[in-house]
């Protein structure tokens, strides 16, 4: 995609879910380390990263995506970084959802992220 190409031109990397699933904590640590000495980090969670069984209400359901358990652990880890300046969830399409599974996964993701924030935020 154009975004992927732009990111590659800037020296960034996109990790597919299957590569992250092998070592979710390591993937978070590598991503945060790659940001070097930036002052602020904005986290954008695209629910398409979740396995289709956990998040059917997205435009591109991903068979073999991350489990909610893996995602929640990753969010807690990234939220503990002192540079976090913001957080959003994107790609939740309620008309496509089955049993509100995607919406519930998104809501729990917010809770896990907020519970991982350190200090007096």
N, C-alpha and C. Protein backbone atom coordinates (compact mmCIF):
# COMPACT_ATOMS: atom_id res chain seq x y z
N UNK A 1 0.83 -1.19 0.00
CA UNK A 1 0.00 0.00 0.00
C UNK A 1 0.87 1.24 0.00
N UNK A 2 0.26 2.36 -0.27
CA UNK A 2 0.99 3.62 -0.28
C UNK A 2 1.59 3.91 1.11
N UNK A 3 0.84 3.61 2.16
CA UNK A 3 1.34 3.83 3.52
C UNK A 3 2.57 2.97 3.79
N UNK A 4 2.50 1.72 3.42
CA UNK A 4 3.63 0.81 3.62
C UNK A 4 4.85 1.31 2.86
N UNK A 5 4.66 1.73 1.62
CA UNK A 5 5.77 2.23 0.81
C UNK A 5 6.37 3.49 1.43
N UNK A 6 5.50 4.40 1.88
CA UNK A 6 5.99 5.63 2.50
C UNK A 6 6.79 5.31 3.75
N UNK A 7 6.28 4.42 4.57
CA UNK A 7 6.97 4.06 5.81
C UNK A 7 8.33 3.44 5.50
N UNK A 8 8.40 2.59 4.50
CA UNK A 8 9.67 1.97 4.10
C UNK A 8 10.66 3.03 3.63
N UNK A 9 10.19 4.02 2.87
CA UNK A 9 11.05 5.11 2.40
C UNK A 9 11.61 5.92 3.57
N UNK A 10 10.86 5.98 4.66
CA UNK A 10 11.29 6.74 5.84
C UNK A 10 12.17 5.90 6.77
N UNK A 11 12.40 4.64 6.40
CA UNK A 11 13.22 3.76 7.23
C UNK A 11 12.44 2.99 8.26
N UNK A 12 11.12 3.01 8.17
CA UNK A 12 10.27 2.30 9.13
C UNK A 12 10.00 0.88 8.67
N UNK A 13 9.34 0.13 9.53
CA UNK A 13 9.03 -1.26 9.25
C UNK A 13 7.60 -1.58 9.68
N UNK A 14 6.92 -2.36 8.87
CA UNK A 14 5.60 -2.87 9.23
C UNK A 14 5.78 -4.35 9.53
N UNK A 15 5.34 -4.76 10.71
CA UNK A 15 5.44 -6.17 11.10
C UNK A 15 4.09 -6.83 10.95
N UNK A 16 3.99 -7.90 10.16
CA UNK A 16 2.71 -8.60 10.04
C UNK A 16 2.41 -9.35 11.33
N UNK A 17 1.12 -9.62 11.59
CA UNK A 17 0.74 -10.27 12.84
C UNK A 17 1.48 -11.58 13.12
N UNK A 18 1.72 -12.37 12.09
CA UNK A 18 2.37 -13.65 12.33
C UNK A 18 3.80 -13.49 12.85
N UNK A 19 4.48 -12.41 12.48
CA UNK A 19 5.83 -12.21 13.00
C UNK A 19 5.80 -11.67 14.43
N UNK A 20 4.77 -10.91 14.73
CA UNK A 20 4.63 -10.37 16.08
C UNK A 20 4.19 -11.46 17.05
N UNK A 21 3.34 -12.37 16.59
CA UNK A 21 2.78 -13.41 17.46
C UNK A 21 3.85 -14.30 18.07
N UNK A 22 4.98 -14.46 17.39
CA UNK A 22 6.05 -15.30 17.92
C UNK A 22 6.68 -14.74 19.18
N UNK A 23 6.72 -13.41 19.30
CA UNK A 23 7.32 -12.76 20.46
C UNK A 23 6.68 -11.38 20.64
N UNK A 24 5.44 -11.33 21.11
CA UNK A 24 4.75 -10.05 21.23
C UNK A 24 5.49 -9.03 22.09
N UNK A 25 6.01 -9.45 23.23
CA UNK A 25 6.73 -8.52 24.10
C UNK A 25 7.98 -7.99 23.41
N UNK A 26 8.69 -8.87 22.74
CA UNK A 26 9.89 -8.46 22.01
C UNK A 26 9.56 -7.49 20.89
N UNK A 27 8.42 -7.70 20.23
CA UNK A 27 8.02 -6.79 19.15
C UNK A 27 7.75 -5.39 19.70
N UNK A 28 7.11 -5.31 20.85
CA UNK A 28 6.86 -4.01 21.47
C UNK A 28 8.19 -3.36 21.86
N UNK A 29 9.05 -4.11 22.50
CA UNK A 29 10.34 -3.56 22.90
C UNK A 29 11.14 -3.06 21.70
N UNK A 30 11.13 -3.84 20.61
CA UNK A 30 11.85 -3.44 19.40
C UNK A 30 11.25 -2.17 18.80
N UNK A 31 9.92 -2.10 18.78
CA UNK A 31 9.26 -0.91 18.22
C UNK A 31 9.58 0.33 19.03
N UNK A 32 9.51 0.21 20.35
CA UNK A 32 9.81 1.38 21.19
C UNK A 32 11.28 1.78 21.08
N UNK A 33 12.16 0.80 21.01
CA UNK A 33 13.59 1.10 20.86
C UNK A 33 13.87 1.77 19.53
N UNK A 34 13.15 1.37 18.49
CA UNK A 34 13.36 1.95 17.17
C UNK A 34 12.96 3.43 17.13
N UNK A 35 12.14 3.85 18.08
CA UNK A 35 11.74 5.25 18.13
C UNK A 35 12.83 6.13 18.71
N UNK A 36 13.86 5.49 19.23
CA UNK A 36 15.02 6.25 19.71
C UNK A 36 14.68 7.28 20.76
N UNK A 37 15.07 8.51 20.48
CA UNK A 37 14.90 9.57 21.47
C UNK A 37 13.75 10.52 21.15
N UNK A 38 12.71 10.02 20.48
CA UNK A 38 11.55 10.87 20.24
C UNK A 38 10.95 11.28 21.58
N UNK A 39 10.34 12.43 21.60
CA UNK A 39 9.78 12.95 22.84
C UNK A 39 8.40 12.39 23.17
N UNK A 40 7.62 12.09 22.13
CA UNK A 40 6.24 11.66 22.36
C UNK A 40 5.88 10.53 21.40
N UNK A 41 5.07 9.61 21.90
CA UNK A 41 4.63 8.46 21.10
C UNK A 41 3.10 8.46 21.10
N UNK A 42 2.53 8.40 19.92
CA UNK A 42 1.09 8.29 19.75
C UNK A 42 0.79 6.89 19.26
N UNK A 43 -0.08 6.17 19.96
CA UNK A 43 -0.40 4.78 19.63
C UNK A 43 -1.74 4.73 18.91
N UNK A 44 -1.73 4.12 17.73
CA UNK A 44 -2.96 3.92 16.96
C UNK A 44 -3.15 2.42 16.78
N UNK A 45 -4.19 1.89 17.38
CA UNK A 45 -4.48 0.46 17.32
C UNK A 45 -5.54 0.21 16.25
N UNK A 46 -5.16 -0.52 15.22
CA UNK A 46 -6.08 -0.93 14.16
C UNK A 46 -6.59 -2.32 14.51
N UNK A 47 -7.87 -2.44 14.77
CA UNK A 47 -8.43 -3.72 15.21
C UNK A 47 -8.35 -4.81 14.15
N UNK A 48 -7.98 -4.46 12.92
CA UNK A 48 -7.75 -5.46 11.88
C UNK A 48 -6.63 -6.42 12.26
N UNK A 49 -5.78 -6.03 13.20
CA UNK A 49 -4.65 -6.89 13.60
C UNK A 49 -5.13 -8.13 14.35
N UNK A 50 -6.33 -8.07 14.91
CA UNK A 50 -6.85 -9.22 15.67
C UNK A 50 -7.32 -10.33 14.74
N UNK A 51 -7.29 -11.54 15.25
CA UNK A 51 -7.81 -12.68 14.51
C UNK A 51 -9.28 -12.44 14.18
N UNK A 52 -9.70 -12.90 13.01
CA UNK A 52 -11.07 -12.69 12.55
C UNK A 52 -12.11 -13.22 13.54
N UNK A 53 -11.78 -14.27 14.27
CA UNK A 53 -12.73 -14.81 15.25
C UNK A 53 -12.97 -13.83 16.40
N UNK A 54 -11.97 -13.04 16.73
CA UNK A 54 -12.08 -12.07 17.83
C UNK A 54 -12.61 -10.73 17.36
N UNK A 55 -12.40 -10.42 16.08
CA UNK A 55 -12.79 -9.11 15.55
C UNK A 55 -13.39 -9.24 14.15
N UNK A 56 -14.62 -9.77 14.07
CA UNK A 56 -15.24 -9.88 12.75
C UNK A 56 -15.74 -8.55 12.21
N UNK A 57 -15.89 -7.55 13.07
CA UNK A 57 -16.45 -6.26 12.68
C UNK A 57 -15.41 -5.27 12.24
N UNK A 58 -14.60 -5.66 11.27
CA UNK A 58 -13.59 -4.77 10.67
C UNK A 58 -13.68 -4.93 9.16
N UNK A 59 -13.08 -4.02 8.42
CA UNK A 59 -13.19 -4.11 6.96
C UNK A 59 -12.32 -5.21 6.37
N UNK A 60 -11.27 -5.61 7.08
CA UNK A 60 -10.37 -6.66 6.57
C UNK A 60 -10.09 -7.69 7.66
N UNK A 61 -11.08 -8.55 7.98
CA UNK A 61 -10.84 -9.57 9.00
C UNK A 61 -9.62 -10.42 8.66
N UNK A 62 -8.80 -10.72 9.67
CA UNK A 62 -7.52 -11.39 9.46
C UNK A 62 -7.49 -12.77 10.08
N UNK A 63 -7.69 -13.81 9.26
CA UNK A 63 -7.48 -15.15 9.81
C UNK A 63 -6.01 -15.29 10.22
N UNK A 64 -5.77 -15.77 11.42
CA UNK A 64 -4.39 -15.90 11.89
C UNK A 64 -3.84 -14.64 12.50
N UNK A 65 -4.70 -13.66 12.76
CA UNK A 65 -4.23 -12.44 13.41
C UNK A 65 -3.92 -12.68 14.87
N UNK A 66 -3.60 -11.61 15.58
CA UNK A 66 -3.27 -11.72 16.99
C UNK A 66 -4.49 -12.13 17.80
N UNK A 67 -4.23 -12.82 18.90
CA UNK A 67 -5.32 -13.11 19.84
C UNK A 67 -5.52 -11.87 20.71
N UNK A 68 -6.67 -11.77 21.33
CA UNK A 68 -6.90 -10.63 22.23
C UNK A 68 -5.91 -10.68 23.39
N UNK A 69 -5.60 -11.86 23.86
CA UNK A 69 -4.65 -12.00 24.97
C UNK A 69 -3.28 -11.41 24.59
N UNK A 70 -2.81 -11.75 23.38
CA UNK A 70 -1.52 -11.21 22.92
C UNK A 70 -1.59 -9.69 22.81
N UNK A 71 -2.68 -9.19 22.23
CA UNK A 71 -2.83 -7.75 22.07
C UNK A 71 -2.86 -7.04 23.42
N UNK A 72 -3.63 -7.56 24.36
CA UNK A 72 -3.75 -6.90 25.65
C UNK A 72 -2.40 -6.83 26.37
N UNK A 73 -1.62 -7.91 26.28
CA UNK A 73 -0.28 -7.89 26.89
C UNK A 73 0.60 -6.84 26.22
N UNK A 74 0.51 -6.75 24.91
CA UNK A 74 1.31 -5.78 24.18
C UNK A 74 0.91 -4.35 24.56
N UNK A 75 -0.38 -4.11 24.69
CA UNK A 75 -0.85 -2.77 25.03
C UNK A 75 -0.38 -2.35 26.42
N UNK A 76 -0.43 -3.27 27.37
CA UNK A 76 0.06 -2.96 28.71
C UNK A 76 1.53 -2.59 28.69
N UNK A 77 2.27 -3.30 27.87
CA UNK A 77 3.71 -3.05 27.77
C UNK A 77 4.01 -1.70 27.12
N UNK A 78 3.34 -1.41 26.01
CA UNK A 78 3.61 -0.15 25.33
C UNK A 78 3.11 1.04 26.16
N UNK A 79 2.01 0.86 26.87
CA UNK A 79 1.46 1.95 27.68
C UNK A 79 2.39 2.35 28.82
N UNK A 80 3.26 1.45 29.24
CA UNK A 80 4.16 1.76 30.35
C UNK A 80 5.30 2.68 29.93
N UNK A 81 5.46 2.94 28.64
CA UNK A 81 6.51 3.85 28.17
C UNK A 81 6.14 5.28 28.57
N UNK A 82 7.07 5.99 29.15
CA UNK A 82 6.83 7.35 29.65
C UNK A 82 6.55 8.37 28.54
N UNK A 83 6.82 8.00 27.30
CA UNK A 83 6.64 8.95 26.20
C UNK A 83 5.24 8.92 25.59
N UNK A 84 4.35 8.09 26.09
CA UNK A 84 3.02 7.98 25.51
C UNK A 84 2.29 9.31 25.64
N UNK A 85 1.82 9.82 24.50
CA UNK A 85 1.13 11.10 24.47
C UNK A 85 -0.34 10.95 24.06
N UNK A 86 -0.68 9.82 23.46
CA UNK A 86 -2.06 9.62 23.03
C UNK A 86 -2.29 8.21 22.55
N UNK A 87 -3.57 7.87 22.42
CA UNK A 87 -3.96 6.52 22.05
C UNK A 87 -5.30 6.58 21.34
N UNK A 88 -5.44 5.80 20.29
CA UNK A 88 -6.72 5.70 19.60
C UNK A 88 -6.93 4.28 19.10
N UNK A 89 -8.19 3.96 18.86
CA UNK A 89 -8.53 2.69 18.23
C UNK A 89 -9.24 3.02 16.93
N UNK A 90 -8.81 2.37 15.87
CA UNK A 90 -9.43 2.57 14.57
C UNK A 90 -9.89 1.23 14.01
N UNK A 91 -10.75 1.31 13.03
CA UNK A 91 -11.24 0.16 12.29
C UNK A 91 -12.13 -0.74 13.12
N UNK A 92 -13.21 -0.16 13.59
CA UNK A 92 -14.27 -0.94 14.22
C UNK A 92 -15.54 -0.58 13.45
N UNK A 93 -16.14 -1.57 12.81
CA UNK A 93 -17.32 -1.34 11.97
C UNK A 93 -18.51 -2.10 12.56
N UNK A 94 -19.26 -1.48 13.46
CA UNK A 94 -20.38 -2.16 14.11
C UNK A 94 -21.35 -2.86 13.16
N UNK A 95 -21.65 -2.31 11.98
CA UNK A 95 -22.57 -3.04 11.11
C UNK A 95 -22.02 -4.40 10.64
N UNK A 96 -20.71 -4.57 10.69
CA UNK A 96 -20.09 -5.83 10.28
C UNK A 96 -19.84 -6.76 11.46
N UNK A 97 -20.05 -6.26 12.67
CA UNK A 97 -19.71 -7.02 13.87
C UNK A 97 -20.72 -8.14 14.12
N UNK A 98 -20.24 -9.18 14.76
CA UNK A 98 -21.09 -10.32 15.13
C UNK A 98 -21.07 -10.44 16.65
N UNK A 99 -22.22 -10.25 17.26
CA UNK A 99 -22.30 -10.37 18.72
C UNK A 99 -21.49 -9.34 19.46
N UNK A 100 -21.22 -8.22 18.84
CA UNK A 100 -20.42 -7.14 19.45
C UNK A 100 -19.02 -7.57 19.86
N UNK A 101 -18.49 -8.62 19.23
CA UNK A 101 -17.16 -9.11 19.60
C UNK A 101 -16.08 -8.07 19.35
N UNK A 102 -16.14 -7.40 18.22
CA UNK A 102 -15.11 -6.41 17.89
C UNK A 102 -15.20 -5.22 18.84
N UNK A 103 -16.41 -4.74 19.06
CA UNK A 103 -16.59 -3.61 19.97
C UNK A 103 -16.11 -3.95 21.38
N UNK A 104 -16.41 -5.15 21.83
CA UNK A 104 -15.96 -5.57 23.16
C UNK A 104 -14.43 -5.69 23.22
N UNK A 105 -13.84 -6.22 22.16
CA UNK A 105 -12.37 -6.32 22.13
C UNK A 105 -11.76 -4.93 22.15
N UNK A 106 -12.35 -3.99 21.42
CA UNK A 106 -11.85 -2.62 21.42
C UNK A 106 -11.98 -1.97 22.79
N UNK A 107 -13.12 -2.17 23.44
CA UNK A 107 -13.33 -1.59 24.77
C UNK A 107 -12.34 -2.17 25.77
N UNK A 108 -12.12 -3.46 25.70
CA UNK A 108 -11.14 -4.08 26.61
C UNK A 108 -9.73 -3.60 26.30
N UNK A 109 -9.45 -3.35 25.03
CA UNK A 109 -8.13 -2.83 24.65
C UNK A 109 -7.90 -1.47 25.30
N UNK A 110 -8.92 -0.63 25.30
CA UNK A 110 -8.81 0.68 25.96
C UNK A 110 -8.52 0.47 27.44
N UNK A 111 -9.25 -0.41 28.08
CA UNK A 111 -9.05 -0.67 29.51
C UNK A 111 -7.64 -1.17 29.80
N UNK A 112 -7.14 -2.10 28.98
CA UNK A 112 -5.79 -2.62 29.19
C UNK A 112 -4.74 -1.54 28.97
N UNK A 113 -4.96 -0.70 27.98
CA UNK A 113 -4.01 0.38 27.72
C UNK A 113 -3.99 1.34 28.90
N UNK A 114 -5.16 1.77 29.33
CA UNK A 114 -5.24 2.73 30.44
C UNK A 114 -4.66 2.15 31.72
N UNK A 115 -4.88 0.86 31.96
CA UNK A 115 -4.35 0.27 33.19
C UNK A 115 -2.82 0.14 33.13
N UNK A 116 -2.25 0.17 31.94
CA UNK A 116 -0.80 0.07 31.81
C UNK A 116 -0.09 1.39 31.92
N UNK A 117 -0.83 2.50 31.84
CA UNK A 117 -0.19 3.81 31.92
C UNK A 117 0.45 4.00 33.29
N UNK A 118 1.65 4.52 33.28
CA UNK A 118 2.37 4.75 34.53
C UNK A 118 2.20 6.16 35.03
N UNK A 119 2.65 6.39 36.21
CA UNK A 119 2.70 7.74 36.76
C UNK A 119 1.34 8.32 37.04
N UNK A 120 1.26 9.65 36.93
CA UNK A 120 0.05 10.37 37.28
C UNK A 120 -0.67 10.89 36.04
N UNK A 121 -0.86 10.05 35.07
CA UNK A 121 -1.54 10.46 33.83
C UNK A 121 -3.03 10.48 34.01
